[in-house]
PDB file of N, CA and C in Angstrom:
ATOM      1  N   MET A   1     268.468 -51.216-182.946  1.00  0.00           N
ATOM      2  CA  MET A   1     269.680 -51.343-182.178  1.00  0.00           C
ATOM      3  C   MET A   1     270.720 -50.407-182.766  1.00  0.00           C
ATOM      4  N   HIS A   2     271.354 -49.684-181.885  1.00  0.00           N
ATOM      5  CA  HIS A   2     272.406 -48.760-182.297  1.00  0.00           C
ATOM      6  C   HIS A   2     273.713 -49.175-181.632  1.00  0.00           C
ATOM      7  N   LYS A   3     274.770 -48.606-182.093  1.00  0.00           N
ATOM      8  CA  LYS A   3     276.086 -48.924-181.537  1.00  0.00           C
ATOM      9  C   LYS A   3     276.142 -48.621-180.036  1.00  0.00           C
ATOM     10  N   GLU A   4     275.549 -47.520-179.617  1.00  0.00           N
ATOM     11  CA  GLU A   4     275.642 -47.079-178.227  1.00  0.00           C
ATOM     12  C   GLU A   4     274.465 -47.500-177.349  1.00  0.00           C
ATOM     13  N   SER A   5     273.301 -47.746-177.947  1.00  0.00           N
ATOM     14  CA  SER A   5     272.127 -48.059-177.128  1.00  0.00           C
ATOM     15  C   SER A   5     271.155 -48.967-177.873  1.00  0.00           C
ATOM     16  N   VAL A   6     270.253 -49.526-177.092  1.00  0.00           N
ATOM     17  CA  VAL A   6     269.213 -50.394-177.643  1.00  0.00           C
ATOM     18  C   VAL A   6     267.928 -50.150-176.848  1.00  0.00           C
ATOM     19  N   TYR A   7     266.789 -50.240-177.526  1.00  0.00           N
ATOM     20  CA  TYR A   7     265.505 -50.072-176.855  1.00  0.00           C
ATOM     21  C   TYR A   7     264.892 -51.448-176.654  1.00  0.00           C
ATOM     22  N   VAL A   8     264.446 -51.733-175.452  1.00  0.00           N
ATOM     23  CA  VAL A   8     263.908 -53.034-175.077  1.00  0.00           C
ATOM     24  C   VAL A   8     262.421 -52.910-174.793  1.00  0.00           C
ATOM     25  N   THR A   9     261.638 -53.836-175.337  1.00  0.00           N
ATOM     26  CA  THR A   9     260.220 -53.954-175.002  1.00  0.00           C
ATOM     27  C   THR A   9     259.986 -55.373-174.511  1.00  0.00           C
ATOM     28  N   VAL A  10     259.434 -55.499-173.324  1.00  0.00           N
ATOM     29  CA  VAL A  10     259.099 -56.799-172.745  1.00  0.00           C
ATOM     30  C   VAL A  10     257.589 -56.937-172.835  1.00  0.00           C
ATOM     31  N   MET A  11     257.134 -57.996-173.521  1.00  0.00           N
ATOM     32  CA  MET A  11     255.709 -58.199-173.770  1.00  0.00           C
ATOM     33  C   MET A  11     255.333 -59.617-173.357  1.00  0.00           C
ATOM     34  N   ASN A  12     254.179 -59.762-172.720  1.00  0.00           N
ATOM     35  CA  ASN A  12     253.739 -61.107-172.350  1.00  0.00           C
ATOM     36  C   ASN A  12     252.973 -61.767-173.500  1.00  0.00           C
ATOM     37  N   GLU A  13     252.500 -62.979-173.266  1.00  0.00           N
ATOM     38  CA  GLU A  13     251.799 -63.748-174.307  1.00  0.00           C
ATOM     39  C   GLU A  13     250.522 -63.079-174.782  1.00  0.00           C
ATOM     40  N   ASN A  14     249.939 -62.223-173.941  1.00  0.00           N
ATOM     41  CA  ASN A  14     248.702 -61.521-174.286  1.00  0.00           C
ATOM     42  C   ASN A  14     248.966 -60.197-174.986  1.00  0.00           C
ATOM     43  N   GLU A  15     250.222 -59.963-175.372  1.00  0.00           N
ATOM     44  CA  GLU A  15     250.657 -58.745-176.064  1.00  0.00           C
ATOM     45  C   GLU A  15     250.542 -57.501-175.185  1.00  0.00           C
ATOM     46  N   THR A  16     250.594 -57.703-173.882  1.00  0.00           N
ATOM     47  CA  THR A  16     250.612 -56.590-172.939  1.00  0.00           C
ATOM     48  C   THR A  16     252.061 -56.224-172.661  1.00  0.00           C
ATOM     49  N   VAL A  17     252.380 -54.946-172.769  1.00  0.00           N
ATOM     50  CA  VAL A  17     253.743 -54.494-172.500  1.00  0.00           C
ATOM     51  C   VAL A  17     253.970 -54.491-170.996  1.00  0.00           C
ATOM     52  N   ILE A  18     254.981 -55.226-170.573  1.00  0.00           N
ATOM     53  CA  ILE A  18     255.346 -55.315-169.166  1.00  0.00           C
ATOM     54  C   ILE A  18     256.381 -54.242-168.820  1.00  0.00           C
ATOM     55  N   ASP A  19     257.283 -53.993-169.752  1.00  0.00           N
ATOM     56  CA  ASP A  19     258.349 -53.028-169.510  1.00  0.00           C
ATOM     57  C   ASP A  19     258.881 -52.506-170.842  1.00  0.00           C
ATOM     58  N   GLN A  20     259.307 -51.258-170.868  1.00  0.00           N
ATOM     59  CA  GLN A  20     259.963 -50.639-172.025  1.00  0.00           C
ATOM     60  C   GLN A  20     261.023 -49.698-171.505  1.00  0.00           C
ATOM     61  N   TYR A  21     262.226 -49.819-172.050  1.00  0.00           N
ATOM     62  CA  TYR A  21     263.301 -48.935-171.608  1.00  0.00           C
ATOM     63  C   TYR A  21     264.453 -48.961-172.598  1.00  0.00           C
ATOM     64  N   GLU A  22     265.280 -47.926-172.529  1.00  0.00           N
ATOM     65  CA  GLU A  22     266.486 -47.853-173.334  1.00  0.00           C
ATOM     66  C   GLU A  22     267.661 -48.222-172.438  1.00  0.00           C
ATOM     67  N   MET A  23     268.599 -48.977-172.986  1.00  0.00           N
ATOM     68  CA  MET A  23     269.769 -49.366-172.204  1.00  0.00           C
ATOM     69  C   MET A  23     271.025 -49.204-173.046  1.00  0.00           C
ATOM     70  N   PRO A  24     272.170 -49.012-172.389  1.00  0.00           N
ATOM     71  CA  PRO A  24     273.427 -48.954-173.139  1.00  0.00           C
ATOM     72  C   PRO A  24     273.704 -50.299-173.808  1.00  0.00           C
ATOM     73  N   ASN A  25     274.310 -50.273-174.963  1.00  0.00           N
ATOM     74  CA  ASN A  25     274.631 -51.481-175.711  1.00  0.00           C
ATOM     75  C   ASN A  25     276.074 -51.872-175.411  1.00  0.00           C
ATOM     76  N   ASN A  26     276.261 -52.590-174.284  1.00  0.00           N
ATOM     77  CA  ASN A  26     277.598 -53.070-173.931  1.00  0.00           C
ATOM     78  C   ASN A  26     277.473 -54.386-173.166  1.00  0.00           C
ATOM     79  N   ASP A  27     278.569 -55.087-173.043  1.00  0.00           N
ATOM     80  CA  ASP A  27     278.564 -56.414-172.415  1.00  0.00           C
ATOM     81  C   ASP A  27     278.013 -56.397-170.990  1.00  0.00           C
ATOM     82  N   GLU A  28     278.395 -55.400-170.211  1.00  0.00           N
ATOM     83  CA  GLU A  28     277.941 -55.316-168.822  1.00  0.00           C
ATOM     84  C   GLU A  28     276.416 -55.205-168.749  1.00  0.00           C
ATOM     85  N   GLU A  29     275.835 -54.361-169.591  1.00  0.00           N
ATOM     86  CA  GLU A  29     274.381 -54.189-169.584  1.00  0.00           C
ATOM     87  C   GLU A  29     273.661 -55.435-170.091  1.00  0.00           C
ATOM     88  N   TRP A  30     274.246 -56.132-171.073  1.00  0.00           N
ATOM     89  CA  TRP A  30     273.624 -57.359-171.564  1.00  0.00           C
ATOM     90  C   TRP A  30     273.678 -58.456-170.494  1.00  0.00           C
ATOM     91  N   THR A  31     274.732 -58.463-169.688  1.00  0.00           N
ATOM     92  CA  THR A  31     274.807 -59.423-168.582  1.00  0.00           C
ATOM     93  C   THR A  31     273.713 -59.115-167.556  1.00  0.00           C
ATOM     94  N   LYS A  32     273.498 -57.842-167.254  1.00  0.00           N
ATOM     95  CA  LYS A  32     272.413 -57.441-166.345  1.00  0.00           C
ATOM     96  C   LYS A  32     271.056 -57.841-166.939  1.00  0.00           C
ATOM     97  N   PHE A  33     270.896 -57.640-168.247  1.00  0.00           N
ATOM     98  CA  PHE A  33     269.661 -58.019-168.944  1.00  0.00           C
ATOM     99  C   PHE A  33     269.399 -59.509-168.761  1.00  0.00           C
ATOM    100  N   ARG A  34     270.440 -60.321-168.983  1.00  0.00           N
ATOM    101  CA  ARG A  34     270.317 -61.770-168.836  1.00  0.00           C
ATOM    102  C   ARG A  34     269.892 -62.126-167.413  1.00  0.00           C
ATOM    103  N   GLU A  35     270.555 -61.540-166.413  1.00  0.00           N
ATOM    104  CA  GLU A  35     270.230 -61.823-165.015  1.00  0.00           C
ATOM    105  C   GLU A  35     268.793 -61.443-164.683  1.00  0.00           C
ATOM    106  N   LYS A  36     268.323 -60.357-165.264  1.00  0.00           N
ATOM    107  CA  LYS A  36     266.972 -59.872-164.992  1.00  0.00           C
ATOM    108  C   LYS A  36     265.897 -60.769-165.616  1.00  0.00           C
ATOM    109  N   TYR A  37     266.165 -61.286-166.823  1.00  0.00           N
ATOM    110  CA  TYR A  37     265.113 -61.982-167.566  1.00  0.00           C
ATOM    111  C   TYR A  37     265.310 -63.480-167.757  1.00  0.00           C
ATOM    112  N   MET A  38     266.441 -64.038-167.435  1.00  0.00           N
ATOM    113  CA  MET A  38     266.718 -65.437-167.756  1.00  0.00           C
ATOM    114  C   MET A  38     265.688 -66.390-167.166  1.00  0.00           C
ATOM    115  N   GLN A  39     265.227 -66.138-165.948  1.00  0.00           N
ATOM    116  CA  GLN A  39     264.255 -67.034-165.323  1.00  0.00           C
ATOM    117  C   GLN A  39     262.942 -67.074-166.101  1.00  0.00           C
ATOM    118  N   LEU A  40     262.660 -66.039-166.900  1.00  0.00           N
ATOM    119  CA  LEU A  40     261.436 -66.012-167.713  1.00  0.00           C
ATOM    120  C   LEU A  40     261.585 -66.777-169.020  1.00  0.00           C
ATOM    121  N   LYS A  41     262.823 -67.192-169.334  1.00  0.00           N
ATOM    122  CA  LYS A  41     263.131 -67.876-170.600  1.00  0.00           C
ATOM    123  C   LYS A  41     262.555 -67.096-171.784  1.00  0.00           C
ATOM    124  N   PRO A  42     262.994 -65.860-171.930  1.00  0.00           N
ATOM    125  CA  PRO A  42     262.391 -65.002-172.958  1.00  0.00           C
ATOM    126  C   PRO A  42     262.793 -65.373-174.372  1.00  0.00           C
ATOM    127  N   ASP A  43     261.908 -65.085-175.301  1.00  0.00           N
ATOM    128  CA  ASP A  43     262.222 -65.112-176.722  1.00  0.00           C
ATOM    129  C   ASP A  43     262.560 -63.672-177.079  1.00  0.00           C
ATOM    130  N   ILE A  44     263.624 -63.478-177.827  1.00  0.00           N
ATOM    131  CA  ILE A  44     264.096 -62.142-178.147  1.00  0.00           C
ATOM    132  C   ILE A  44     264.036 -61.919-179.646  1.00  0.00           C
ATOM    133  N   ALA A  45     263.342 -60.869-180.054  1.00  0.00           N
ATOM    134  CA  ALA A  45     263.251 -60.510-181.472  1.00  0.00           C
ATOM    135  C   ALA A  45     264.261 -59.418-181.765  1.00  0.00           C
ATOM    136  N   MET A  46     264.966 -59.585-182.878  1.00  0.00           N
ATOM    137  CA  MET A  46     265.930 -58.590-183.329  1.00  0.00           C
ATOM    138  C   MET A  46     265.773 -58.440-184.828  1.00  0.00           C
ATOM    139  N   GLU A  47     265.991 -57.239-185.295  1.00  0.00           N
ATOM    140  CA  GLU A  47     265.977 -56.990-186.731  1.00  0.00           C
ATOM    141  C   GLU A  47     267.332 -57.385-187.305  1.00  0.00           C
ATOM    142  N   MET A  48     267.316 -58.177-188.372  1.00  0.00           N
ATOM    143  CA  MET A  48     268.571 -58.597-188.984  1.00  0.00           C
ATOM    144  C   MET A  48     269.345 -57.406-189.499  1.00  0.00           C
ATOM    145  N   SER A  49     270.600 -57.321-189.105  1.00  0.00           N
ATOM    146  CA  SER A  49     271.506 -56.293-189.606  1.00  0.00           C
ATOM    147  C   SER A  49     272.914 -56.685-189.204  1.00  0.00           C
ATOM    148  N   THR A  50     273.883 -56.069-189.818  1.00  0.00           N
ATOM    149  CA  THR A  50     275.256 -56.390-189.454  1.00  0.00           C
ATOM    150  C   THR A  50     275.573 -55.925-188.033  1.00  0.00           C
ATOM    151  N   SER A  51     274.928 -54.870-187.567  1.00  0.00           N
ATOM    152  CA  SER A  51     275.207 -54.367-186.220  1.00  0.00           C
ATOM    153  C   SER A  51     274.642 -55.270-185.126  1.00  0.00           C
ATOM    154  N   VAL A  52     273.711 -56.147-185.470  1.00  0.00           N
ATOM    155  CA  VAL A  52     273.100 -57.011-184.463  1.00  0.00           C
ATOM    156  C   VAL A  52     273.881 -58.324-184.303  1.00  0.00           C
ATOM    157  N   LYS A  53     274.801 -58.599-185.194  1.00  0.00           N
ATOM    158  CA  LYS A  53     275.545 -59.861-185.170  1.00  0.00           C
ATOM    159  C   LYS A  53     276.210 -60.137-183.825  1.00  0.00           C
ATOM    160  N   TYR A  54     276.939 -59.176-183.318  1.00  0.00           N
ATOM    161  CA  TYR A  54     277.662 -59.366-182.055  1.00  0.00           C
ATOM    162  C   TYR A  54     276.690 -59.651-180.910  1.00  0.00           C
ATOM    163  N   VAL A  55     275.630 -58.868-180.819  1.00  0.00           N
ATOM    164  CA  VAL A  55     274.672 -59.035-179.721  1.00  0.00           C
ATOM    165  C   VAL A  55     273.937 -60.369-179.848  1.00  0.00           C
ATOM    166  N   ALA A  56     273.596 -60.773-181.068  1.00  0.00           N
ATOM    167  CA  ALA A  56     272.932 -62.075-181.272  1.00  0.00           C
ATOM    168  C   ALA A  56     273.822 -63.205-180.768  1.00  0.00           C
ATOM    169  N   ARG A  57     275.095 -63.144-181.077  1.00  0.00           N
ATOM    170  CA  ARG A  57     276.035 -64.168-180.590  1.00  0.00           C
ATOM    171  C   ARG A  57     276.140 -64.129-179.066  1.00  0.00           C
ATOM    172  N   LEU A  58     276.264 -62.939-178.523  1.00  0.00           N
ATOM    173  CA  LEU A  58     276.396 -62.771-177.081  1.00  0.00           C
ATOM    174  C   LEU A  58     275.185 -63.357-176.359  1.00  0.00           C
ATOM    175  N   LEU A  59     273.986 -62.998-176.792  1.00  0.00           N
ATOM    176  CA  LEU A  59     272.770 -63.493-176.147  1.00  0.00           C
ATOM    177  C   LEU A  59     272.587 -64.989-176.355  1.00  0.00           C
ATOM    178  N   ARG A  60     272.935 -65.466-177.530  1.00  0.00           N
ATOM    179  CA  ARG A  60     272.876 -66.905-177.788  1.00  0.00           C
ATOM    180  C   ARG A  60     273.794 -67.641-176.826  1.00  0.00           C
ATOM    181  N   ASP A  61     275.010 -67.134-176.655  1.00  0.00           N
ATOM    182  CA  ASP A  61     275.969 -67.770-175.759  1.00  0.00           C
ATOM    183  C   ASP A  61     275.542 -67.692-174.293  1.00  0.00           C
ATOM    184  N   MET A  62     274.648 -66.747-173.978  1.00  0.00           N
ATOM    185  CA  MET A  62     274.094 -66.638-172.629  1.00  0.00           C
ATOM    186  C   MET A  62     272.916 -67.594-172.438  1.00  0.00           C
ATOM    187  N   GLY A  63     272.515 -68.290-173.497  1.00  0.00           N
ATOM    188  CA  GLY A  63     271.430 -69.260-173.395  1.00  0.00           C
ATOM    189  C   GLY A  63     270.053 -68.715-173.723  1.00  0.00           C
ATOM    190  N   LEU A  64     269.983 -67.533-174.310  1.00  0.00           N
ATOM    191  CA  LEU A  64     268.694 -66.943-174.654  1.00  0.00           C
ATOM    192  C   LEU A  64     268.253 -67.352-176.053  1.00  0.00           C
ATOM    193  N   SER A  65     266.968 -67.354-176.294  1.00  0.00           N
ATOM    194  CA  SER A  65     266.373 -67.742-177.570  1.00  0.00           C
ATOM    195  C   SER A  65     266.211 -66.509-178.460  1.00  0.00           C
ATOM    196  N   ILE A  66     266.886 -66.514-179.603  1.00  0.00           N
ATOM    197  CA  ILE A  66     266.909 -65.357-180.490  1.00  0.00           C
ATOM    198  C   ILE A  66     266.039 -65.627-181.717  1.00  0.00           C
ATOM    199  N   HIS A  67     265.246 -64.640-182.096  1.00  0.00           N
ATOM    200  CA  HIS A  67     264.416 -64.689-183.295  1.00  0.00           C
ATOM    201  C   HIS A  67     264.784 -63.476-184.138  1.00  0.00           C
ATOM    202  N   MET A  68     265.016 -63.699-185.417  1.00  0.00           N
ATOM    203  CA  MET A  68     265.420 -62.604-186.293  1.00  0.00           C
ATOM    204  C   MET A  68     264.273 -62.209-187.209  1.00  0.00           C
ATOM    205  N   ALA A  69     264.066 -60.910-187.321  1.00  0.00           N
ATOM    206  CA  ALA A  69     263.037 -60.373-188.210  1.00  0.00           C
ATOM    207  C   ALA A  69     263.731 -59.844-189.461  1.00  0.00           C
ATOM    208  N   ASN A  70     263.271 -60.292-190.597  1.00  0.00           N
ATOM    209  CA  ASN A  70     263.828 -59.874-191.875  1.00  0.00           C
ATOM    210  C   ASN A  70     263.298 -58.485-192.208  1.00  0.00           C
ATOM    211  N   PRO A  71     264.189 -57.499-192.394  1.00  0.00           N
ATOM    212  CA  PRO A  71     263.727 -56.134-192.681  1.00  0.00           C
ATOM    213  C   PRO A  71     262.861 -56.043-193.933  1.00  0.00           C
ATOM    214  N   ALA A  72     263.087 -56.936-194.879  1.00  0.00           N
ATOM    215  CA  ALA A  72     262.284 -56.918-196.107  1.00  0.00           C
ATOM    216  C   ALA A  72     260.817 -57.234-195.821  1.00  0.00           C
ATOM    217  N   ASN A  73     260.560 -57.909-194.702  1.00  0.00           N
ATOM    218  CA  ASN A  73     259.190 -58.282-194.334  1.00  0.00           C
ATOM    219  C   ASN A  73     258.604 -57.391-193.247  1.00  0.00           C
ATOM    220  N   LEU A  74     259.236 -56.260-192.977  1.00  0.00           N
ATOM    221  CA  LEU A  74     258.802 -55.429-191.863  1.00  0.00           C
ATOM    222  C   LEU A  74     258.034 -54.187-192.298  1.00  0.00           C
ATOM    223  N   ALA A  75     257.107 -54.346-193.198  1.00  0.00           N
ATOM    224  CA  ALA A  75     256.302 -53.210-193.652  1.00  0.00           C
ATOM    225  C   ALA A  75     255.605 -52.541-192.470  1.00  0.00           C
ATOM    226  N   LEU A  76     255.216 -53.325-191.472  1.00  0.00           N
ATOM    227  CA  LEU A  76     254.568 -52.806-190.267  1.00  0.00           C
ATOM    228  C   LEU A  76     255.420 -51.715-189.620  1.00  0.00           C
ATOM    229  N   ILE A  77     256.733 -51.868-189.652  1.00  0.00           N
ATOM    230  CA  ILE A  77     257.630 -50.890-189.041  1.00  0.00           C
ATOM    231  C   ILE A  77     258.019 -49.796-190.018  1.00  0.00           C
ATOM    232  N   PHE A  78     258.474 -50.181-191.188  1.00  0.00           N
ATOM    233  CA  PHE A  78     259.085 -49.212-192.091  1.00  0.00           C
ATOM    234  C   PHE A  78     258.103 -48.334-192.848  1.00  0.00           C
ATOM    235  N   LYS A  79     256.847 -48.707-192.929  1.00  0.00           N
ATOM    236  CA  LYS A  79     255.853 -47.869-193.605  1.00  0.00           C
ATOM    237  C   LYS A  79     255.050 -47.032-192.618  1.00  0.00           C
ATOM    238  N   ALA A  80     255.391 -47.125-191.365  1.00  0.00           N
ATOM    239  CA  ALA A  80     254.651 -46.384-190.343  1.00  0.00           C
ATOM    240  C   ALA A  80     255.072 -44.918-190.332  1.00  0.00           C
ATOM    241  N   SER A  81     254.112 -44.049-190.054  1.00  0.00           N
ATOM    242  CA  SER A  81     254.439 -42.626-189.970  1.00  0.00           C
ATOM    243  C   SER A  81     255.139 -42.307-188.647  1.00  0.00           C
ATOM    244  N   LYS A  82     254.816 -43.061-187.618  1.00  0.00           N
ATOM    245  CA  LYS A  82     255.437 -42.878-186.306  1.00  0.00           C
ATOM    246  C   LYS A  82     256.613 -43.855-186.203  1.00  0.00           C
ATOM    247  N   LYS A  83     257.830 -43.321-186.379  1.00  0.00           N
ATOM    248  CA  LYS A  83     259.010 -44.176-186.382  1.00  0.00           C
ATOM    249  C   LYS A  83     260.017 -43.689-185.361  1.00  0.00           C
ATOM    250  N   ASN A  84     260.220 -44.484-184.328  1.00  0.00           N
ATOM    251  CA  ASN A  84     261.264 -44.208-183.346  1.00  0.00           C
ATOM    252  C   ASN A  84     261.661 -45.535-182.714  1.00  0.00           C
ATOM    253  N   ASP A  85     262.745 -45.534-181.962  1.00  0.00           N
ATOM    254  CA  ASP A  85     263.259 -46.785-181.401  1.00  0.00           C
ATOM    255  C   ASP A  85     262.254 -47.466-180.478  1.00  0.00           C
ATOM    256  N   LYS A  86     261.550 -46.696-179.676  1.00  0.00           N
ATOM    257  CA  LYS A  86     260.559 -47.263-178.753  1.00  0.00           C
ATOM    258  C   LYS A  86     259.446 -47.960-179.535  1.00  0.00           C
ATOM    259  N   GLU A  87     258.937 -47.297-180.554  1.00  0.00           N
ATOM    260  CA  GLU A  87     257.857 -47.859-181.371  1.00  0.00           C
ATOM    261  C   GLU A  87     258.329 -49.091-182.148  1.00  0.00           C
ATOM    262  N   GLU A  88     259.523 -49.026-182.709  1.00  0.00           N
ATOM    263  CA  GLU A  88     260.066 -50.165-183.463  1.00  0.00           C
ATOM    264  C   GLU A  88     260.288 -51.369-182.553  1.00  0.00           C
ATOM    265  N   SER A  89     260.760 -51.116-181.334  1.00  0.00           N
ATOM    266  CA  SER A  89     260.958 -52.198-180.375  1.00  0.00           C
ATOM    267  C   SER A  89     259.625 -52.868-180.040  1.00  0.00           C
ATOM    268  N   TYR A  90     258.595 -52.059-179.834  1.00  0.00           N
ATOM    269  CA  TYR A  90     257.255 -52.589-179.554  1.00  0.00           C
ATOM    270  C   TYR A  90     256.759 -53.449-180.717  1.00  0.00           C
ATOM    271  N   LYS A  91     256.937 -52.951-181.934  1.00  0.00           N
ATOM    272  CA  LYS A  91     256.435 -53.678-183.098  1.00  0.00           C
ATOM    273  C   LYS A  91     257.200 -54.979-183.333  1.00  0.00           C
ATOM    274  N   LEU A  92     258.489 -54.988-183.058  1.00  0.00           N
ATOM    275  CA  LEU A  92     259.245 -56.241-183.155  1.00  0.00           C
ATOM    276  C   LEU A  92     258.738 -57.259-182.136  1.00  0.00           C
ATOM    277  N   ALA A  93     258.455 -56.795-180.906  1.00  0.00           N
ATOM    278  CA  ALA A  93     257.914 -57.684-179.881  1.00  0.00           C
ATOM    279  C   ALA A  93     256.554 -58.233-180.314  1.00  0.00           C
ATOM    280  N   LYS A  94     255.741 -57.378-180.910  1.00  0.00           N
ATOM    281  CA  LYS A  94     254.420 -57.807-181.382  1.00  0.00           C
ATOM    282  C   LYS A  94     254.555 -58.829-182.516  1.00  0.00           C
ATOM    283  N   LEU A  95     255.476 -58.583-183.446  1.00  0.00           N
ATOM    284  CA  LEU A  95     255.707 -59.550-184.526  1.00  0.00           C
ATOM    285  C   LEU A  95     256.139 -60.903-183.969  1.00  0.00           C
ATOM    286  N   LEU A  96     256.963 -60.881-182.936  1.00  0.00           N
ATOM    287  CA  LEU A  96     257.392 -62.129-182.306  1.00  0.00           C
ATOM    288  C   LEU A  96     256.185 -62.858-181.726  1.00  0.00           C
ATOM    289  N   ARG A  97     255.296 -62.137-181.056  1.00  0.00           N
ATOM    290  CA  ARG A  97     254.097 -62.752-180.485  1.00  0.00           C
ATOM    291  C   ARG A  97     253.167 -63.306-181.575  1.00  0.00           C
ATOM    292  N   LEU A  98     253.219 -62.704-182.755  1.00  0.00           N
ATOM    293  CA  LEU A  98     252.397 -63.167-183.885  1.00  0.00           C
ATOM    294  C   LEU A  98     253.109 -64.271-184.680  1.00  0.00           C
ATOM    295  N   ASN A  99     254.240 -64.729-184.160  1.00  0.00           N
ATOM    296  CA  ASN A  99     255.054 -65.761-184.819  1.00  0.00           C
ATOM    297  C   ASN A  99     255.510 -65.357-186.213  1.00  0.00           C
ATOM    298  N   ASP A 100     255.882 -64.095-186.373  1.00  0.00           N
ATOM    299  CA  ASP A 100     256.323 -63.605-187.672  1.00  0.00           C
ATOM    300  C   ASP A 100     257.827 -63.318-187.712  1.00  0.00           C
ATOM    301  N   CYS A 101     258.581 -63.971-186.822  1.00  0.00           N
ATOM    302  CA  CYS A 101     260.035 -63.850-186.814  1.00  0.00           C
ATOM    303  C   CYS A 101     260.621 -65.251-186.927  1.00  0.00           C
ATOM    304  N   GLN A 102     261.716 -65.367-187.625  1.00  0.00           N
ATOM    305  CA  GLN A 102     262.358 -66.660-187.816  1.00  0.00           C
ATOM    306  C   GLN A 102     263.150 -67.039-186.574  1.00  0.00           C
ATOM    307  N   ARG A 103     262.844 -68.192-185.991  1.00  0.00           N
ATOM    308  CA  ARG A 103     263.577 -68.641-184.809  1.00  0.00           C
ATOM    309  C   ARG A 103     264.899 -69.236-185.257  1.00  0.00           C
ATOM    310  N   ILE A 104     265.969 -68.730-184.709  1.00  0.00           N
ATOM    311  CA  ILE A 104     267.280 -69.256-185.073  1.00  0.00           C
ATOM    312  C   ILE A 104     268.115 -69.537-183.826  1.00  0.00           C
ATOM    313  N   SER A 105     267.448 -70.010-182.794  1.00  0.00           N
ATOM    314  CA  SER A 105     268.182 -70.362-181.589  1.00  0.00           C
ATOM    315  C   SER A 105     267.857 -71.798-181.223  1.00  0.00           C
ATOM    316  N   PRO A 106     268.824 -72.625-180.839  1.00  0.00           N
ATOM    317  CA  PRO A 106     270.212 -72.228-180.689  1.00  0.00           C
ATOM    318  C   PRO A 106     270.835 -71.921-182.054  1.00  0.00           C
ATOM    319  N   ILE A 107     271.499 -70.818-182.098  1.00  0.00           N
ATOM    320  CA  ILE A 107     272.060 -70.333-183.351  1.00  0.00           C
ATOM    321  C   ILE A 107     273.403 -70.989-183.623  1.00  0.00           C
ATOM    322  N   LYS A 108     273.567 -71.429-184.830  1.00  0.00           N
ATOM    323  CA  LYS A 108     274.876 -71.859-185.276  1.00  0.00           C
ATOM    324  C   LYS A 108     275.571 -70.618-185.809  1.00  0.00           C
ATOM    325  N   GLU A 109     276.862 -70.529-185.628  1.00  0.00           N
ATOM    326  CA  GLU A 109     277.620 -69.364-186.079  1.00  0.00           C
ATOM    327  C   GLU A 109     277.351 -69.069-187.542  1.00  0.00           C
ATOM    328  N   SER A 110     277.357 -70.097-188.382  1.00  0.00           N
ATOM    329  CA  SER A 110     277.140 -69.895-189.812  1.00  0.00           C
ATOM    330  C   SER A 110     275.731 -69.393-190.093  1.00  0.00           C
ATOM    331  N   GLN A 111     274.784 -69.758-189.231  1.00  0.00           N
ATOM    332  CA  GLN A 111     273.397 -69.347-189.426  1.00  0.00           C
ATOM    333  C   GLN A 111     273.244 -67.838-189.223  1.00  0.00           C
ATOM    334  N   ILE A 112     273.929 -67.281-188.236  1.00  0.00           N
ATOM    335  CA  ILE A 112     273.875 -65.837-188.016  1.00  0.00           C
ATOM    336  C   ILE A 112     274.395 -65.134-189.258  1.00  0.00           C
ATOM    337  N   ASN A 113     275.578 -65.530-189.705  1.00  0.00           N
ATOM    338  CA  ASN A 113     276.194 -64.897-190.869  1.00  0.00           C
ATOM    339  C   ASN A 113     275.343 -65.069-192.121  1.00  0.00           C
ATOM    340  N   GLU A 114     274.806 -66.254-192.335  1.00  0.00           N
ATOM    341  CA  GLU A 114     274.000 -66.537-193.521  1.00  0.00           C
ATOM    342  C   GLU A 114     272.725 -65.705-193.533  1.00  0.00           C
ATOM    343  N   ASN A 115     272.028 -65.641-192.395  1.00  0.00           N
ATOM    344  CA  ASN A 115     270.785 -64.865-192.333  1.00  0.00           C
ATOM    345  C   ASN A 115     271.040 -63.392-192.572  1.00  0.00           C
ATOM    346  N   ILE A 116     272.105 -62.872-192.021  1.00  0.00           N
ATOM    347  CA  ILE A 116     272.410 -61.461-192.202  1.00  0.00           C
ATOM    348  C   ILE A 116     272.850 -61.195-193.626  1.00  0.00           C
ATOM    349  N   ARG A 117     273.693 -62.052-194.183  1.00  0.00           N
ATOM    350  CA  ARG A 117     274.168 -61.847-195.560  1.00  0.00           C
ATOM    351  C   ARG A 117     273.009 -61.877-196.552  1.00  0.00           C
ATOM    352  N   LYS A 118     272.096 -62.817-196.393  1.00  0.00           N
ATOM    353  CA  LYS A 118     270.943 -62.944-197.295  1.00  0.00           C
ATOM    354  C   LYS A 118     270.050 -61.718-197.249  1.00  0.00           C
ATOM    355  N   ASN A 119     269.918 -61.142-196.069  1.00  0.00           N
ATOM    356  CA  ASN A 119     268.931 -60.079-195.867  1.00  0.00           C
ATOM    357  C   ASN A 119     269.545 -58.694-195.726  1.00  0.00           C
ATOM    358  N   ASP A 120     270.811 -58.577-195.987  1.00  0.00           N
ATOM    359  CA  ASP A 120     271.497 -57.288-195.834  1.00  0.00           C
ATOM    360  C   ASP A 120     271.508 -56.486-197.113  1.00  0.00           C
ATOM    361  N   LYS A 121     270.666 -56.863-198.058  1.00  0.00           N
ATOM    362  CA  LYS A 121     270.641 -56.194-199.364  1.00  0.00           C
ATOM    363  C   LYS A 121     269.419 -55.323-199.497  1.00  0.00           C
ATOM    364  N   PHE A 122     269.134 -54.520-198.503  1.00  0.00           N
ATOM    365  CA  PHE A 122     267.937 -53.672-198.552  1.00  0.00           C
ATOM    366  C   PHE A 122     268.279 -52.226-198.639  1.00  0.00           C
TER     367      PHE A 122
END
């Protein structure tokens, strides 16, 4: 996730990619995202970072289920030779399907801050 954009990977239970795309990182686009996917009751994987805090709160407040991936445990992503936003988004979705992300939804405000503070030392 970047300040200006985010890469989205939509994956079903069988780990088949349904959709992949880049979208602007702003409130209007996140509202469109919610409208597009809310009926599917998606689980959303995000890498813990200070930049993800706002979006995690926004999506939580929209009623979506957020799962945070600890960067310290993401050897699958960070040791890969092929590193780009599309690939990282896919791997986060795959980790979520493998139940390797911590579920923190419904998120308590203190939980977002605590998880990020604990894992922001990388």
